[in-house]
C-alpha atoms as a PDB file:
ATOM      1  CA  MET A   1      16.786 -11.512  -7.985  1.00  0.00           C
ATOM      2  CA  SER A   2      14.392 -10.960  -5.487  1.00  0.00           C
ATOM      3  CA  PRO A   3      14.446  -7.461  -3.516  1.00  0.00           C
ATOM      4  CA  ALA A   4      14.570  -9.517  -0.643  1.00  0.00           C
ATOM      5  CA  ARG A   5      18.310 -10.685  -0.881  1.00  0.00           C
ATOM      6  CA  GLY A   6      21.116  -8.687  -0.165  1.00  0.00           C
ATOM      7  CA  ALA A   7      19.196  -5.269   0.959  1.00  0.00           C
ATOM      8  CA  GLU A   8      19.851  -5.520   4.484  1.00  0.00           C
ATOM      9  CA  GLY A   9      21.113  -2.340   4.703  1.00  0.00           C
ATOM     10  CA  THR A  10      24.853  -2.504   5.085  1.00  0.00           C
ATOM     11  CA  GLY A  11      26.019   0.918   6.259  1.00  0.00           C
ATOM     12  CA  GLY A  12      27.743   3.415   4.785  1.00  0.00           C
ATOM     13  CA  PRO A  13      26.308   6.551   2.703  1.00  0.00           C
ATOM     14  CA  GLY A  14      23.070   5.957   0.782  1.00  0.00           C
ATOM     15  CA  PRO A  15      21.463   7.781  -1.879  1.00  0.00           C
ATOM     16  CA  GLY A  16      20.198  10.569  -0.058  1.00  0.00           C
ATOM     17  CA  GLY A  17      23.376  11.560   1.943  1.00  0.00           C
ATOM     18  CA  PRO A  18      25.237  10.606   4.906  1.00  0.00           C
ATOM     19  CA  GLY A  19      24.095   7.913   6.907  1.00  0.00           C
ATOM     20  CA  PRO A  20      22.839   4.146   6.698  1.00  0.00           C
ATOM     21  CA  ALA A  21      22.261   3.018   2.980  1.00  0.00           C
ATOM     22  CA  PRO A  22      17.967   3.481   3.380  1.00  0.00           C
ATOM     23  CA  VAL A  23      15.991   0.208   3.561  1.00  0.00           C
ATOM     24  CA  LEU A  24      12.390   0.688   2.347  1.00  0.00           C
ATOM     25  CA  ILE A  25       9.243  -1.517   1.575  1.00  0.00           C
ATOM     26  CA  ASP A  26       6.487  -0.414  -0.861  1.00  0.00           C
ATOM     27  CA  THR A  27       3.324  -1.258   0.865  1.00  0.00           C
ATOM     28  CA  HIS A  28       1.139  -1.084  -2.191  1.00  0.00           C
ATOM     29  CA  ALA A  29       2.074  -2.312  -5.680  1.00  0.00           C
ATOM     30  CA  HIS A  30      -0.115  -3.886  -8.261  1.00  0.00           C
ATOM     31  CA  LEU A  31       3.123  -6.262  -9.878  1.00  0.00           C
ATOM     32  CA  ASP A  32       0.450  -8.334 -11.227  1.00  0.00           C
ATOM     33  CA  SER A  33      -0.401  -5.694 -14.205  1.00  0.00           C
ATOM     34  CA  GLY A  34      -0.062  -6.525 -17.460  1.00  0.00           C
ATOM     35  CA  ARG A  35       2.600  -3.195 -17.757  1.00  0.00           C
ATOM     36  CA  PHE A  36       5.312  -5.694 -15.798  1.00  0.00           C
ATOM     37  CA  ARG A  37       4.560  -8.704 -18.165  1.00  0.00           C
ATOM     38  CA  SER A  38       7.550  -8.921 -20.114  1.00  0.00           C
ATOM     39  CA  ASP A  39      10.197  -7.239 -17.437  1.00  0.00           C
ATOM     40  CA  LEU A  40       8.613  -8.206 -13.694  1.00  0.00           C
ATOM     41  CA  GLU A  41      12.246  -9.949 -13.211  1.00  0.00           C
ATOM     42  CA  GLY A  42      13.920  -6.609 -14.142  1.00  0.00           C
ATOM     43  CA  VAL A  43      11.402  -4.434 -12.083  1.00  0.00           C
ATOM     44  CA  LEU A  44      12.385  -6.391  -9.001  1.00  0.00           C
ATOM     45  CA  GLU A  45      15.866  -6.114  -9.402  1.00  0.00           C
ATOM     46  CA  ARG A  46      15.923  -2.462 -10.001  1.00  0.00           C
ATOM     47  CA  ALA A  47      13.654  -2.057  -6.663  1.00  0.00           C
ATOM     48  CA  PHE A  48      16.276  -4.294  -4.893  1.00  0.00           C
ATOM     49  CA  ARG A  49      18.922  -2.182  -6.041  1.00  0.00           C
ATOM     50  CA  ALA A  50      17.312   0.983  -4.757  1.00  0.00           C
ATOM     51  CA  GLY A  51      16.703  -0.661  -1.345  1.00  0.00           C
ATOM     52  CA  VAL A  52      12.796  -1.835  -1.618  1.00  0.00           C
ATOM     53  CA  ALA A  53      13.672  -4.433   0.350  1.00  0.00           C
ATOM     54  CA  ARG A  54      10.103  -5.572   0.621  1.00  0.00           C
ATOM     55  CA  ILE A  55       7.121  -5.104  -1.747  1.00  0.00           C
ATOM     56  CA  VAL A  56       3.407  -5.782  -0.794  1.00  0.00           C
ATOM     57  CA  THR A  57       1.401  -6.418  -4.370  1.00  0.00           C
ATOM     58  CA  VAL A  58      -2.299  -5.825  -4.179  1.00  0.00           C
ATOM     59  CA  GLY A  59      -5.384  -7.720  -5.670  1.00  0.00           C
ATOM     60  CA  ALA A  60      -8.043  -5.527  -7.243  1.00  0.00           C
ATOM     61  CA  ASP A  61     -10.292  -8.717  -7.836  1.00  0.00           C
ATOM     62  CA  GLU A  62     -10.648 -12.874  -7.507  1.00  0.00           C
ATOM     63  CA  PRO A  63      -8.068 -13.330 -10.375  1.00  0.00           C
ATOM     64  CA  SER A  64      -5.548 -10.242  -9.745  1.00  0.00           C
ATOM     65  CA  SER A  65      -5.834 -11.237  -6.192  1.00  0.00           C
ATOM     66  CA  ARG A  66      -4.837 -14.947  -7.225  1.00  0.00           C
ATOM     67  CA  ARG A  67      -1.825 -13.667  -9.558  1.00  0.00           C
ATOM     68  CA  ALA A  68      -0.512 -11.613  -6.800  1.00  0.00           C
ATOM     69  CA  VAL A  69      -0.382 -14.552  -4.069  1.00  0.00           C
ATOM     70  CA  GLU A  70       1.491 -16.507  -7.382  1.00  0.00           C
ATOM     71  CA  ILE A  71       4.152 -13.652  -7.847  1.00  0.00           C
ATOM     72  CA  ALA A  72       4.283 -13.580  -3.996  1.00  0.00           C
ATOM     73  CA  ALA A  73       5.441 -17.079  -3.566  1.00  0.00           C
ATOM     74  CA  ARG A  74       7.765 -17.112  -6.466  1.00  0.00           C
ATOM     75  CA  HIS A  75       9.613 -14.089  -5.039  1.00  0.00           C
ATOM     76  CA  PRO A  76      10.973 -13.863  -1.558  1.00  0.00           C
ATOM     77  CA  GLY A  77      10.564 -10.560  -0.333  1.00  0.00           C
ATOM     78  CA  VAL A  78       7.167  -9.847  -2.217  1.00  0.00           C
ATOM     79  CA  PHE A  79       3.980 -10.605  -0.147  1.00  0.00           C
ATOM     80  CA  ALA A  80       0.461 -10.426  -1.412  1.00  0.00           C
ATOM     81  CA  THR A  81      -3.102  -9.132  -0.399  1.00  0.00           C
ATOM     82  CA  VAL A  82      -6.543 -10.302  -1.562  1.00  0.00           C
ATOM     83  CA  GLY A  83      -9.212  -8.279  -2.045  1.00  0.00           C
ATOM     84  CA  VAL A  84     -11.693  -6.983  -4.002  1.00  0.00           C
ATOM     85  CA  HIS A  85     -11.525  -3.084  -5.391  1.00  0.00           C
ATOM     86  CA  PRO A  86     -14.606  -0.998  -5.422  1.00  0.00           C
ATOM     87  CA  HIS A  87     -14.332  -0.547  -9.094  1.00  0.00           C
ATOM     88  CA  GLU A  88     -14.740  -4.342  -9.461  1.00  0.00           C
ATOM     89  CA  ALA A  89     -17.385  -4.996  -6.449  1.00  0.00           C
ATOM     90  CA  ALA A  90     -20.207  -5.590  -9.465  1.00  0.00           C
ATOM     91  CA  ARG A  91     -18.555  -8.853  -9.745  1.00  0.00           C
ATOM     92  CA  TRP A  92     -18.556  -9.915  -6.183  1.00  0.00           C
ATOM     93  CA  GLY A  93     -20.670 -13.105  -5.987  1.00  0.00           C
ATOM     94  CA  PRO A  94     -21.946 -15.336  -3.130  1.00  0.00           C
ATOM     95  CA  ARG A  95     -18.766 -17.382  -3.104  1.00  0.00           C
ATOM     96  CA  SER A  96     -16.159 -14.409  -3.512  1.00  0.00           C
ATOM     97  CA  ALA A  97     -15.326 -14.067   0.310  1.00  0.00           C
ATOM     98  CA  GLU A  98     -14.807 -18.001   0.337  1.00  0.00           C
ATOM     99  CA  ALA A  99     -12.507 -17.819  -2.703  1.00  0.00           C
ATOM    100  CA  LEU A 100     -10.384 -14.973  -1.097  1.00  0.00           C
ATOM    101  CA  GLU A 101      -9.909 -16.936   2.174  1.00  0.00           C
ATOM    102  CA  ALA A 102      -8.864 -20.097   0.379  1.00  0.00           C
ATOM    103  CA  LEU A 103      -5.893 -17.868  -1.689  1.00  0.00           C
ATOM    104  CA  VAL A 104      -4.550 -17.104   2.147  1.00  0.00           C
ATOM    105  CA  SER A 105      -3.424 -20.653   2.379  1.00  0.00           C
ATOM    106  CA  GLU A 106      -2.010 -20.622  -0.684  1.00  0.00           C
ATOM    107  CA  GLY A 107       1.200 -18.055  -0.571  1.00  0.00           C
ATOM    108  CA  PRO A 108       2.525 -15.202   1.873  1.00  0.00           C
ATOM    109  CA  VAL A 109      -0.701 -13.150   2.081  1.00  0.00           C
ATOM    110  CA  VAL A 110      -0.358 -10.303   4.717  1.00  0.00           C
ATOM    111  CA  ALA A 111      -4.022  -8.441   4.375  1.00  0.00           C
ATOM    112  CA  VAL A 112      -7.201  -8.307   3.095  1.00  0.00           C
ATOM    113  CA  GLY A 113      -7.805  -5.626   0.033  1.00  0.00           C
ATOM    114  CA  GLU A 114      -7.995  -3.344  -1.704  1.00  0.00           C
ATOM    115  CA  ALA A 115     -11.408  -3.087  -0.445  1.00  0.00           C
ATOM    116  CA  GLY A 116     -13.287   0.481  -0.193  1.00  0.00           C
ATOM    117  CA  LEU A 117     -15.574   3.183  -1.828  1.00  0.00           C
ATOM    118  CA  ASP A 118     -14.826   4.954  -5.031  1.00  0.00           C
ATOM    119  CA  PHE A 119     -17.361   7.360  -5.438  1.00  0.00           C
ATOM    120  CA  TYR A 120     -15.520   9.949  -8.064  1.00  0.00           C
ATOM    121  CA  ARG A 121     -15.657   7.256 -10.802  1.00  0.00           C
ATOM    122  CA  ASP A 122     -18.526   5.336  -9.477  1.00  0.00           C
ATOM    123  CA  LEU A 123     -17.636   1.815 -11.832  1.00  0.00           C
ATOM    124  CA  SER A 124     -20.112   0.132  -9.706  1.00  0.00           C
ATOM    125  CA  PRO A 125     -23.425   0.870  -8.023  1.00  0.00           C
ATOM    126  CA  ARG A 126     -22.974   2.746  -4.583  1.00  0.00           C
ATOM    127  CA  PRO A 127     -24.950   0.449  -2.616  1.00  0.00           C
ATOM    128  CA  VAL A 128     -22.921  -2.557  -3.882  1.00  0.00           C
ATOM    129  CA  GLN A 129     -19.575  -1.031  -3.120  1.00  0.00           C
ATOM    130  CA  GLU A 130     -21.000  -0.483   0.175  1.00  0.00           C
ATOM    131  CA  ARG A 131     -21.849  -3.928   0.654  1.00  0.00           C
ATOM    132  CA  VAL A 132     -19.033  -5.743  -1.040  1.00  0.00           C
ATOM    133  CA  PHE A 133     -16.842  -3.423   1.451  1.00  0.00           C
ATOM    134  CA  ARG A 134     -18.394  -4.452   4.452  1.00  0.00           C
ATOM    135  CA  GLU A 135     -17.993  -8.267   3.521  1.00  0.00           C
ATOM    136  CA  GLN A 136     -14.474  -7.524   3.323  1.00  0.00           C
ATOM    137  CA  VAL A 137     -14.022  -5.845   6.580  1.00  0.00           C
ATOM    138  CA  ARG A 138     -15.867  -9.016   8.160  1.00  0.00           C
ATOM    139  CA  LEU A 139     -12.887 -11.491   6.269  1.00  0.00           C
ATOM    140  CA  ALA A 140     -10.424  -9.091   7.430  1.00  0.00           C
ATOM    141  CA  ARG A 141     -11.701  -9.223  11.158  1.00  0.00           C
ATOM    142  CA  ARG A 142     -12.089 -13.530  10.723  1.00  0.00           C
ATOM    143  CA  LEU A 143      -9.001 -13.793   9.337  1.00  0.00           C
ATOM    144  CA  GLY A 144      -6.945 -11.442  11.747  1.00  0.00           C
ATOM    145  CA  LEU A 145      -5.586  -9.659   8.859  1.00  0.00           C
ATOM    146  CA  PRO A 146      -4.878  -6.237   8.094  1.00  0.00           C
ATOM    147  CA  LEU A 147      -6.964  -4.090   6.046  1.00  0.00           C
ATOM    148  CA  VAL A 148      -5.812  -2.225   2.929  1.00  0.00           C
ATOM    149  CA  VAL A 149      -8.460   0.860   2.567  1.00  0.00           C
ATOM    150  CA  HIS A 150      -9.396   2.675  -1.042  1.00  0.00           C
ATOM    151  CA  ASP A 151     -11.263   5.875  -0.336  1.00  0.00           C
ATOM    152  CA  ARG A 152     -11.809   8.231  -3.016  1.00  0.00           C
ATOM    153  CA  ASP A 153     -14.328  10.808  -2.462  1.00  0.00           C
ATOM    154  CA  ALA A 154     -16.380   8.816  -0.147  1.00  0.00           C
ATOM    155  CA  HIS A 155     -14.390   9.649   3.093  1.00  0.00           C
ATOM    156  CA  ASP A 156     -17.457  10.068   5.402  1.00  0.00           C
ATOM    157  CA  ASP A 157     -18.958   6.852   4.412  1.00  0.00           C
ATOM    158  CA  VAL A 158     -15.697   4.837   4.733  1.00  0.00           C
ATOM    159  CA  LEU A 159     -14.928   6.256   7.996  1.00  0.00           C
ATOM    160  CA  ARG A 160     -18.933   5.375   8.984  1.00  0.00           C
ATOM    161  CA  ILE A 161     -18.146   1.736   7.660  1.00  0.00           C
ATOM    162  CA  LEU A 162     -14.780   1.089   9.142  1.00  0.00           C
ATOM    163  CA  ALA A 163     -16.537   2.221  12.428  1.00  0.00           C
ATOM    164  CA  GLU A 164     -19.588   0.175  12.045  1.00  0.00           C
ATOM    165  CA  GLU A 165     -17.940  -2.998  11.201  1.00  0.00           C
ATOM    166  CA  ARG A 166     -14.870  -2.424  14.047  1.00  0.00           C
ATOM    167  CA  ALA A 167     -12.429  -2.727  11.606  1.00  0.00           C
ATOM    168  CA  GLY A 168      -9.188  -1.981  13.248  1.00  0.00           C
ATOM    169  CA  GLU A 169      -9.872  -4.069  16.340  1.00  0.00           C
ATOM    170  CA  THR A 170      -8.298  -7.295  15.661  1.00  0.00           C
ATOM    171  CA  ALA A 171      -6.030  -6.275  12.985  1.00  0.00           C
ATOM    172  CA  PRO A 172      -4.448  -2.822  11.892  1.00  0.00           C
ATOM    173  CA  VAL A 173      -6.213  -0.634   8.936  1.00  0.00           C
ATOM    174  CA  VAL A 174      -4.473   1.192   5.909  1.00  0.00           C
ATOM    175  CA  MET A 175      -5.486   3.788   4.460  1.00  0.00           C
ATOM    176  CA  HIS A 176      -4.101   3.415   0.614  1.00  0.00           C
ATOM    177  CA  CYS A 177      -2.842   6.453  -0.972  1.00  0.00           C
ATOM    178  CA  PHE A 178      -4.227   8.774   1.609  1.00  0.00           C
ATOM    179  CA  SER A 179      -5.984  11.930   0.138  1.00  0.00           C
ATOM    180  CA  GLY A 180      -8.248  12.943   2.622  1.00  0.00           C
ATOM    181  CA  GLY A 181      -6.660  15.940   3.801  1.00  0.00           C
ATOM    182  CA  PRO A 182      -5.044  16.957   7.049  1.00  0.00           C
ATOM    183  CA  ALA A 183      -8.021  16.913   9.265  1.00  0.00           C
ATOM    184  CA  LEU A 184      -8.853  13.694   8.217  1.00  0.00           C
ATOM    185  CA  ALA A 185      -5.664  12.360   8.573  1.00  0.00           C
ATOM    186  CA  GLN A 186      -5.752  13.443  12.023  1.00  0.00           C
ATOM    187  CA  VAL A 187      -9.154  11.530  12.733  1.00  0.00           C
ATOM    188  CA  CYS A 188      -7.580   8.362  10.927  1.00  0.00           C
ATOM    189  CA  ALA A 189      -4.510   8.568  12.922  1.00  0.00           C
ATOM    190  CA  GLN A 190      -6.596   8.904  16.551  1.00  0.00           C
ATOM    191  CA  ARG A 191      -8.384   5.383  15.278  1.00  0.00           C
ATOM    192  CA  GLY A 192      -5.054   4.074  15.282  1.00  0.00           C
ATOM    193  CA  TYR A 193      -5.074   3.691  11.495  1.00  0.00           C
ATOM    194  CA  TYR A 194      -2.100   3.821   9.076  1.00  0.00           C
ATOM    195  CA  LEU A 195      -1.987   6.316   6.152  1.00  0.00           C
ATOM    196  CA  SER A 196       0.377   5.600   3.407  1.00  0.00           C
ATOM    197  CA  VAL A 197       1.717   8.328   1.270  1.00  0.00           C
ATOM    198  CA  ALA A 198       2.529   8.054  -2.887  1.00  0.00           C
ATOM    199  CA  GLY A 199       4.028   9.806  -5.970  1.00  0.00           C
ATOM    200  CA  PRO A 200       1.650  12.682  -5.582  1.00  0.00           C
ATOM    201  CA  VAL A 201       3.634  13.921  -2.873  1.00  0.00           C
ATOM    202  CA  THR A 202       6.319  14.730  -5.582  1.00  0.00           C
ATOM    203  CA  PHE A 203       3.848  16.900  -7.648  1.00  0.00           C
ATOM    204  CA  ALA A 204       4.897  20.710  -7.890  1.00  0.00           C
ATOM    205  CA  ASN A 205       1.231  21.746  -7.698  1.00  0.00           C
ATOM    206  CA  ALA A 206       0.511  18.797  -4.707  1.00  0.00           C
ATOM    207  CA  ARG A 207       0.182  21.633  -1.981  1.00  0.00           C
ATOM    208  CA  ARG A 208      -2.990  19.954  -0.238  1.00  0.00           C
ATOM    209  CA  THR A 209      -0.991  16.718  -0.869  1.00  0.00           C
ATOM    210  CA  LEU A 210       2.185  17.898   1.160  1.00  0.00           C
ATOM    211  CA  ASP A 211      -0.284  19.432   3.950  1.00  0.00           C
ATOM    212  CA  THR A 212      -1.541  16.019   4.587  1.00  0.00           C
ATOM    213  CA  ALA A 213       1.833  14.218   4.261  1.00  0.00           C
ATOM    214  CA  ARG A 214       2.949  16.857   6.961  1.00  0.00           C
ATOM    215  CA  ALA A 215      -0.164  15.931   9.312  1.00  0.00           C
ATOM    216  CA  ILE A 216       0.273  12.118   9.347  1.00  0.00           C
ATOM    217  CA  PRO A 217       1.932  11.083  12.720  1.00  0.00           C
ATOM    218  CA  LEU A 218       5.207   9.806  11.711  1.00  0.00           C
ATOM    219  CA  GLU A 219       4.729   6.611  14.010  1.00  0.00           C
ATOM    220  CA  ARG A 220       1.544   6.082  11.215  1.00  0.00           C
ATOM    221  CA  LEU A 221       3.143   6.776   8.176  1.00  0.00           C
ATOM    222  CA  LEU A 222       3.598   4.132   5.439  1.00  0.00           C
ATOM    223  CA  LEU A 223       5.309   4.845   1.751  1.00  0.00           C
ATOM    224  CA  GLU A 224       3.684   3.335  -1.171  1.00  0.00           C
ATOM    225  CA  THR A 225       4.254   3.419  -5.297  1.00  0.00           C
ATOM    226  CA  ASP A 226       0.514   2.159  -6.150  1.00  0.00           C
ATOM    227  CA  CYS A 227       2.883   0.989  -9.473  1.00  0.00           C
ATOM    228  CA  PRO A 228       2.157   1.021 -12.395  1.00  0.00           C
ATOM    229  CA  TYR A 229       0.300   4.171 -11.565  1.00  0.00           C
ATOM    230  CA  LEU A 230       0.852   7.360 -10.082  1.00  0.00           C
ATOM    231  CA  ALA A 231       4.744   7.848 -11.117  1.00  0.00           C
ATOM    232  CA  PRO A 232       6.668  10.473  -9.162  1.00  0.00           C
ATOM    233  CA  GLU A 233       8.632  13.319 -10.765  1.00  0.00           C
ATOM    234  CA  PRO A 234      10.991  13.091 -12.543  1.00  0.00           C
ATOM    235  CA  HIS A 235       9.108   9.693 -13.816  1.00  0.00           C
ATOM    236  CA  ARG A 236       5.627  11.241 -13.879  1.00  0.00           C
ATOM    237  CA  GLY A 237       3.604  10.230 -16.945  1.00  0.00           C
ATOM    238  CA  GLY A 238       5.501   7.144 -17.532  1.00  0.00           C
ATOM    239  CA  ARG A 239       5.006   3.562 -16.046  1.00  0.00           C
ATOM    240  CA  ASN A 240       5.848   3.838 -12.026  1.00  0.00           C
ATOM    241  CA  GLU A 241       7.513   0.775 -10.246  1.00  0.00           C
ATOM    242  CA  PRO A 242       9.051  -0.158  -6.896  1.00  0.00           C
ATOM    243  CA  ALA A 243      12.372   1.239  -7.617  1.00  0.00           C
ATOM    244  CA  PHE A 244      10.892   4.769  -7.694  1.00  0.00           C
ATOM    245  CA  LEU A 245       9.716   4.753  -4.128  1.00  0.00           C
ATOM    246  CA  VAL A 246      13.395   6.315  -3.114  1.00  0.00           C
ATOM    247  CA  GLU A 247      11.491   9.399  -5.037  1.00  0.00           C
ATOM    248  CA  VAL A 248       8.872   9.161  -2.694  1.00  0.00           C
ATOM    249  CA  ALA A 249      10.813   9.014   0.605  1.00  0.00           C
ATOM    250  CA  ARG A 250      12.862  11.717  -0.386  1.00  0.00           C
ATOM    251  CA  ARG A 251      10.455  14.074  -0.882  1.00  0.00           C
ATOM    252  CA  VAL A 252       8.466  13.286   2.284  1.00  0.00           C
ATOM    253  CA  ALA A 253      11.976  13.171   3.978  1.00  0.00           C
ATOM    254  CA  GLU A 254      12.507  16.618   2.839  1.00  0.00           C
ATOM    255  CA  LEU A 255       8.968  17.521   4.543  1.00  0.00           C
ATOM    256  CA  TRP A 256      10.062  16.243   7.921  1.00  0.00           C
ATOM    257  CA  GLY A 257      13.494  17.377   8.114  1.00  0.00           C
ATOM    258  CA  LEU A 258      14.775  14.445   8.386  1.00  0.00           C
ATOM    259  CA  GLU A 259      17.562  12.741   6.405  1.00  0.00           C
ATOM    260  CA  LEU A 260      16.462  10.028   3.758  1.00  0.00           C
ATOM    261  CA  TRP A 261      17.820   7.101   5.907  1.00  0.00           C
ATOM    262  CA  GLU A 262      15.767   8.198   8.836  1.00  0.00           C
ATOM    263  CA  LEU A 263      12.602   8.497   7.002  1.00  0.00           C
ATOM    264  CA  ALA A 264      13.536   4.889   5.612  1.00  0.00           C
ATOM    265  CA  ARG A 265      14.054   3.260   9.044  1.00  0.00           C
ATOM    266  CA  LEU A 266      10.996   4.827  10.236  1.00  0.00           C
ATOM    267  CA  THR A 267       8.793   4.053   7.604  1.00  0.00           C
ATOM    268  CA  THR A 268       9.941   0.434   7.399  1.00  0.00           C
ATOM    269  CA  GLN A 269       9.200  -0.326  11.274  1.00  0.00           C
ATOM    270  CA  ASN A 270       5.650   0.897  10.509  1.00  0.00           C
ATOM    271  CA  ALA A 271       5.433  -1.403   7.432  1.00  0.00           C
ATOM    272  CA  CYS A 272       6.312  -4.271   9.226  1.00  0.00           C
ATOM    273  CA  ARG A 273       4.130  -3.662  12.071  1.00  0.00           C
ATOM    274  CA  ALA A 274       1.031  -2.849   9.969  1.00  0.00           C
ATOM    275  CA  PHE A 275       1.617  -5.931   7.772  1.00  0.00           C
ATOM    276  CA  GLY A 276       3.278  -8.331  10.074  1.00  0.00           C
ATOM    277  CA  LEU A 277       6.301  -8.613   7.750  1.00  0.00           C
ATOM    278  CA  PRO A 278       9.650  -9.948   8.428  1.00  0.00           C
ATOM    279  CA  GLN A 279      12.334  -6.799   9.172  1.00  0.00           C
ATOM    280  CA  PRO A 280      14.486  -6.348   6.610  1.00  0.00           C
END
């Protein structure tokens, strides 16, 4: 069953306490992962039952982007992005942008990405990462689509490139699984970027992550799982999946002193604005 069906927020007590049932959007998942190959339908059913009404499944290279589009086309309530992760930047070719653009017409594609820089693992040469990042910023601008940004240990360079390429002028910028700290969160928010929080906000030793989550203005805050990675407590160490987004939402609601349904309403509205998604 699709997570879009039946998750319309019928009211009544939700899993976080009194108030309407929370309706959430997972803004960053990797449903094309081989770890979901045997039970994707069950994964989506559990997401629906947990109140996750929309899922954005993210492309990491050309084959992954195609699989994301195919999954989104088969499952109402699932939407795709197309892009090349910095780990895969060395595989970018002269026709890569054209191939990604062609996928946009094949299914419900709502963004370009995951694109950016990763200077932690450095699996592609840094000059190549930068060139491929710039090409995808330009692709997103040309198509008028939001840009999903991966930034790991490359904060200054990511912000410089986004500014130089005028990212965000034609469509939103989403800083996925934001790890830049409270001060950088404020800089990004001032630029109008959206910032996404994931499973690490639930970790016991995540003091800096908690401070960062508190520094993100509520009108710029998104939630994600990045599944199958970064499973939140109490699932840490296992396979993550969209249903576990409730744990992320519950922790962020606690940080802000909100009821779960209030935090869900705010972040769902933000996700719909950021990605142009239909309201659940």
